[in-house]
Amino acid sequence: MKLLRLLNLLIGYVDVYLPDLKYFYDESAVKFSHAPNYFKIATTAICEMFNQVGYPEFDDSGIIKRGVIIRHLALPGHITETKKVLEWIKNNLNESAYISLMTQYFPTYHANNFPEINRKLSTKEYNYILKFISTFKHGYIQELGEHEEEFVPDFNLDGV
């Protein structure tokens, strides 16, 4: 597999990996990101990253020196998918894996073409996610926000 060969070239050069594990179901990966076999490829890569650098190690200031932190963006209407992603992490890497669970999703660009993700995460969905993430020993979860749109840069390329 090309990806594993590429990752093997990085042995000894990369101390910290911050991979995204966005989708569990191939249907979602294809529909929203045109990424067939996403989960299989992404999890294979993440396992190799763990083989190379392991669980996070931090210095006395709390700065990561080495390790893997897996990011997951919870999508509205896809909370079962979030649960499946977290279950995979727990079953394959264990509850000591560091998770960065992002809840800041809000619809932009072509999201209006997909009614199921053309909204923010609800409070009910957020609270449901909190139950799953609480079983991990380490990680980060964003609070459910209301002003994410304010942080999106203007991509009109003026001044470039």
C-alpha atoms as a PDB file:
ATOM      1  CA  MET A   1       0.000   0.000   0.000  1.00  0.00           C
ATOM      2  CA  LYS A   2       1.428   3.375  -1.052  1.00  0.00           C
ATOM      3  CA  LEU A   3       0.319   5.120   2.113  1.00  0.00           C
ATOM      4  CA  LEU A   4       2.224   2.751   4.383  1.00  0.00           C
ATOM      5  CA  ARG A   5       5.342   3.100   2.260  1.00  0.00           C
ATOM      6  CA  LEU A   6       5.055   6.865   2.560  1.00  0.00           C
ATOM      7  CA  LEU A   7       4.565   6.687   6.328  1.00  0.00           C
ATOM      8  CA  ASN A   8       7.568   4.389   6.624  1.00  0.00           C
ATOM      9  CA  LEU A   9       9.679   7.103   4.991  1.00  0.00           C
ATOM     10  CA  LEU A  10       8.740   9.372   7.887  1.00  0.00           C
ATOM     11  CA  ILE A  11      10.093   7.103  10.640  1.00  0.00           C
ATOM     12  CA  GLY A  12      12.436   9.166  12.768  1.00  0.00           C
ATOM     13  CA  TYR A  13      11.374  12.458  11.174  1.00  0.00           C
ATOM     14  CA  VAL A  14       7.926  12.972  12.670  1.00  0.00           C
ATOM     15  CA  ASP A  15       7.406  13.258  16.415  1.00  0.00           C
ATOM     16  CA  VAL A  16       3.724  14.208  16.515  1.00  0.00           C
ATOM     17  CA  TYR A  17       0.860  13.103  14.307  1.00  0.00           C
ATOM     18  CA  LEU A  18      -2.560  14.806  14.382  1.00  0.00           C
ATOM     19  CA  PRO A  19      -4.677  12.725  11.983  1.00  0.00           C
ATOM     20  CA  ASP A  20      -8.361  13.242  11.311  1.00  0.00           C
ATOM     21  CA  LEU A  21     -10.729  10.291  11.521  1.00  0.00           C
ATOM     22  CA  LYS A  22     -13.848  11.855  10.127  1.00  0.00           C
ATOM     23  CA  TYR A  23     -16.053   9.043   8.824  1.00  0.00           C
ATOM     24  CA  PHE A  24     -16.833   5.482   9.844  1.00  0.00           C
ATOM     25  CA  TYR A  25     -19.205   4.638   7.017  1.00  0.00           C
ATOM     26  CA  ASP A  26     -17.989   4.532   3.440  1.00  0.00           C
ATOM     27  CA  GLU A  27     -21.323   5.952   2.286  1.00  0.00           C
ATOM     28  CA  SER A  28     -20.683   9.186   4.224  1.00  0.00           C
ATOM     29  CA  ALA A  29     -17.071   9.448   3.080  1.00  0.00           C
ATOM     30  CA  VAL A  30     -18.062   9.095  -0.564  1.00  0.00           C
ATOM     31  CA  LYS A  31     -21.120  11.335  -0.317  1.00  0.00           C
ATOM     32  CA  PHE A  32     -19.500  14.248   1.510  1.00  0.00           C
ATOM     33  CA  SER A  33     -15.818  13.963   0.576  1.00  0.00           C
ATOM     34  CA  HIS A  34     -15.617  11.729  -2.515  1.00  0.00           C
ATOM     35  CA  ALA A  35     -13.335   9.418  -0.499  1.00  0.00           C
ATOM     36  CA  PRO A  36     -14.033   5.716  -1.095  1.00  0.00           C
ATOM     37  CA  ASN A  37     -12.444   3.311   1.406  1.00  0.00           C
ATOM     38  CA  TYR A  38     -11.794   6.267   3.701  1.00  0.00           C
ATOM     39  CA  PHE A  39     -12.144   4.415   7.007  1.00  0.00           C
ATOM     40  CA  LYS A  40      -9.941   1.486   6.023  1.00  0.00           C
ATOM     41  CA  ILE A  41      -7.211   3.743   4.662  1.00  0.00           C
ATOM     42  CA  ALA A  42      -7.379   6.250   7.512  1.00  0.00           C
ATOM     43  CA  THR A  43      -7.329   3.620  10.267  1.00  0.00           C
ATOM     44  CA  THR A  44      -4.446   1.768   8.617  1.00  0.00           C
ATOM     45  CA  ALA A  45      -2.486   5.014   8.576  1.00  0.00           C
ATOM     46  CA  ILE A  46      -3.400   5.842  12.179  1.00  0.00           C
ATOM     47  CA  CYS A  47      -2.264   2.412  13.372  1.00  0.00           C
ATOM     48  CA  GLU A  48       1.076   2.942  11.633  1.00  0.00           C
ATOM     49  CA  MET A  49       1.391   6.380  13.225  1.00  0.00           C
ATOM     50  CA  PHE A  50       0.905   4.749  16.642  1.00  0.00           C
ATOM     51  CA  ASN A  51       3.511   2.126  15.761  1.00  0.00           C
ATOM     52  CA  GLN A  52       5.966   4.923  15.030  1.00  0.00           C
ATOM     53  CA  VAL A  53       5.395   7.399  17.867  1.00  0.00           C
ATOM     54  CA  GLY A  54       2.898   5.847  20.299  1.00  0.00           C
ATOM     55  CA  TYR A  55       0.734   7.576  22.843  1.00  0.00           C
ATOM     56  CA  PRO A  56       1.405  11.248  23.560  1.00  0.00           C
ATOM     57  CA  GLU A  57       4.212  12.341  25.831  1.00  0.00           C
ATOM     58  CA  PHE A  58       4.201  15.886  27.195  1.00  0.00           C
ATOM     59  CA  ASP A  59       6.882  18.133  28.658  1.00  0.00           C
ATOM     60  CA  ASP A  60       6.552  19.840  32.042  1.00  0.00           C
ATOM     61  CA  SER A  61       4.645  22.719  30.424  1.00  0.00           C
ATOM     62  CA  GLY A  62       2.046  20.388  28.901  1.00  0.00           C
ATOM     63  CA  ILE A  63       3.425  20.699  25.362  1.00  0.00           C
ATOM     64  CA  ILE A  64       3.281  17.485  23.360  1.00  0.00           C
ATOM     65  CA  LYS A  65       6.741  16.138  22.516  1.00  0.00           C
ATOM     66  CA  ARG A  66       5.792  12.900  20.813  1.00  0.00           C
ATOM     67  CA  GLY A  67       2.710  10.844  20.010  1.00  0.00           C
ATOM     68  CA  VAL A  68      -0.625  10.742  18.219  1.00  0.00           C
ATOM     69  CA  ILE A  69      -3.788  12.725  18.919  1.00  0.00           C
ATOM     70  CA  ILE A  70      -6.763  11.702  16.782  1.00  0.00           C
ATOM     71  CA  ARG A  71      -9.179  14.421  15.713  1.00  0.00           C
ATOM     72  CA  HIS A  72     -12.817  13.718  14.944  1.00  0.00           C
ATOM     73  CA  LEU A  73     -15.352  16.250  13.691  1.00  0.00           C
ATOM     74  CA  ALA A  74     -18.872  15.353  14.819  1.00  0.00           C
ATOM     75  CA  LEU A  75     -21.379  15.949  12.045  1.00  0.00           C
ATOM     76  CA  PRO A  76     -25.036  16.752  12.674  1.00  0.00           C
ATOM     77  CA  GLY A  77     -27.298  13.807  11.991  1.00  0.00           C
ATOM     78  CA  HIS A  78     -24.302  11.449  12.126  1.00  0.00           C
ATOM     79  CA  ILE A  79     -23.876  10.883  15.843  1.00  0.00           C
ATOM     80  CA  THR A  80     -23.969   7.107  15.369  1.00  0.00           C
ATOM     81  CA  GLU A  81     -20.949   7.560  13.136  1.00  0.00           C
ATOM     82  CA  THR A  82     -19.150   9.475  15.905  1.00  0.00           C
ATOM     83  CA  LYS A  83     -19.972   6.651  18.316  1.00  0.00           C
ATOM     84  CA  LYS A  84     -18.594   4.074  15.853  1.00  0.00           C
ATOM     85  CA  VAL A  85     -15.372   6.066  15.366  1.00  0.00           C
ATOM     86  CA  LEU A  86     -14.852   6.319  19.125  1.00  0.00           C
ATOM     87  CA  GLU A  87     -15.617   2.607  19.576  1.00  0.00           C
ATOM     88  CA  TRP A  88     -13.027   1.737  16.923  1.00  0.00           C
ATOM     89  CA  ILE A  89     -10.427   3.864  18.681  1.00  0.00           C
ATOM     90  CA  LYS A  90     -11.196   2.289  22.048  1.00  0.00           C
ATOM     91  CA  ASN A  91     -11.192  -1.273  20.662  1.00  0.00           C
ATOM     92  CA  ASN A  92      -8.064  -0.880  18.546  1.00  0.00           C
ATOM     93  CA  LEU A  93      -5.931   1.661  20.407  1.00  0.00           C
ATOM     94  CA  ASN A  94      -7.671   1.583  23.828  1.00  0.00           C
ATOM     95  CA  GLU A  95      -9.145   4.243  26.071  1.00  0.00           C
ATOM     96  CA  SER A  96      -5.688   5.748  26.669  1.00  0.00           C
ATOM     97  CA  ALA A  97      -5.647   7.151  23.137  1.00  0.00           C
ATOM     98  CA  TYR A  98      -5.910  10.925  23.009  1.00  0.00           C
ATOM     99  CA  ILE A  99      -8.987  12.237  21.225  1.00  0.00           C
ATOM    100  CA  SER A 100      -9.704  15.755  20.051  1.00  0.00           C
ATOM    101  CA  LEU A 101     -13.447  15.783  19.499  1.00  0.00           C
ATOM    102  CA  MET A 102     -14.479  18.812  17.491  1.00  0.00           C
ATOM    103  CA  THR A 103     -18.045  20.064  17.585  1.00  0.00           C
ATOM    104  CA  GLN A 104     -17.663  23.348  15.729  1.00  0.00           C
ATOM    105  CA  TYR A 105     -19.161  22.137  12.455  1.00  0.00           C
ATOM    106  CA  PHE A 106     -21.444  24.583  10.714  1.00  0.00           C
ATOM    107  CA  PRO A 107     -22.679  24.415   7.136  1.00  0.00           C
ATOM    108  CA  THR A 108     -20.717  26.250   4.460  1.00  0.00           C
ATOM    109  CA  TYR A 109     -19.996  25.929   0.758  1.00  0.00           C
ATOM    110  CA  HIS A 110     -22.099  23.064  -0.666  1.00  0.00           C
ATOM    111  CA  ALA A 111     -23.572  21.854   2.627  1.00  0.00           C
ATOM    112  CA  ASN A 112     -26.957  23.163   1.480  1.00  0.00           C
ATOM    113  CA  ASN A 113     -26.928  20.305  -1.056  1.00  0.00           C
ATOM    114  CA  PHE A 114     -27.128  17.850   1.868  1.00  0.00           C
ATOM    115  CA  PRO A 115     -30.081  18.607   4.154  1.00  0.00           C
ATOM    116  CA  GLU A 116     -28.827  16.189   6.809  1.00  0.00           C
ATOM    117  CA  ILE A 117     -25.672  18.279   7.422  1.00  0.00           C
ATOM    118  CA  ASN A 118     -27.068  21.695   6.547  1.00  0.00           C
ATOM    119  CA  ARG A 119     -27.249  22.702  10.212  1.00  0.00           C
ATOM    120  CA  LYS A 120     -25.122  22.882  13.329  1.00  0.00           C
ATOM    121  CA  LEU A 121     -24.879  20.128  15.902  1.00  0.00           C
ATOM    122  CA  SER A 122     -27.833  20.206  18.311  1.00  0.00           C
ATOM    123  CA  THR A 123     -27.520  20.342  22.087  1.00  0.00           C
ATOM    124  CA  LYS A 124     -29.128  16.883  22.243  1.00  0.00           C
ATOM    125  CA  GLU A 125     -26.515  15.481  19.832  1.00  0.00           C
ATOM    126  CA  TYR A 126     -23.711  17.161  21.777  1.00  0.00           C
ATOM    127  CA  ASN A 127     -24.908  15.700  25.086  1.00  0.00           C
ATOM    128  CA  TYR A 128     -25.144  12.261  23.479  1.00  0.00           C
ATOM    129  CA  ILE A 129     -21.522  12.559  22.311  1.00  0.00           C
ATOM    130  CA  LEU A 130     -20.380  13.553  25.806  1.00  0.00           C
ATOM    131  CA  LYS A 131     -21.452  10.119  27.055  1.00  0.00           C
ATOM    132  CA  PHE A 132     -19.095   8.353  24.652  1.00  0.00           C
ATOM    133  CA  ILE A 133     -16.074  10.597  25.066  1.00  0.00           C
ATOM    134  CA  SER A 134     -16.307  10.338  28.859  1.00  0.00           C
ATOM    135  CA  THR A 135     -15.124   6.713  28.665  1.00  0.00           C
ATOM    136  CA  PHE A 136     -11.707   7.842  27.413  1.00  0.00           C
ATOM    137  CA  LYS A 137      -8.929   8.694  29.853  1.00  0.00           C
ATOM    138  CA  HIS A 138      -7.477  11.533  27.790  1.00  0.00           C
ATOM    139  CA  GLY A 139      -8.665  14.016  25.288  1.00  0.00           C
ATOM    140  CA  TYR A 140     -10.251  17.267  24.432  1.00  0.00           C
ATOM    141  CA  ILE A 141     -13.776  18.211  23.486  1.00  0.00           C
ATOM    142  CA  GLN A 142     -14.965  21.554  22.283  1.00  0.00           C
ATOM    143  CA  GLU A 143     -17.866  23.185  23.989  1.00  0.00           C
ATOM    144  CA  LEU A 144     -20.871  23.587  21.789  1.00  0.00           C
ATOM    145  CA  GLY A 145     -20.524  27.072  20.357  1.00  0.00           C
ATOM    146  CA  GLU A 146     -22.721  29.629  18.723  1.00  0.00           C
ATOM    147  CA  HIS A 147     -20.317  31.892  16.834  1.00  0.00           C
ATOM    148  CA  GLU A 148     -18.162  29.602  14.672  1.00  0.00           C
ATOM    149  CA  GLU A 149     -19.010  31.573  11.533  1.00  0.00           C
ATOM    150  CA  GLU A 150     -17.065  34.543  12.884  1.00  0.00           C
ATOM    151  CA  PHE A 151     -13.815  32.584  12.634  1.00  0.00           C
ATOM    152  CA  VAL A 152     -14.106  31.589   8.983  1.00  0.00           C
ATOM    153  CA  PRO A 153     -11.722  33.573   6.801  1.00  0.00           C
ATOM    154  CA  ASP A 154     -12.970  35.383   3.737  1.00  0.00           C
ATOM    155  CA  PHE A 155     -11.872  33.159   0.860  1.00  0.00           C
ATOM    156  CA  ASN A 156     -12.511  35.651  -1.940  1.00  0.00           C
ATOM    157  CA  LEU A 157      -8.730  35.993  -2.493  1.00  0.00           C
ATOM    158  CA  ASP A 158      -8.806  39.802  -2.378  1.00  0.00           C
ATOM    159  CA  GLY A 159      -5.316  41.146  -1.851  1.00  0.00           C
ATOM    160  CA  VAL A 160      -3.571  37.968  -2.934  1.00  0.00           C
END
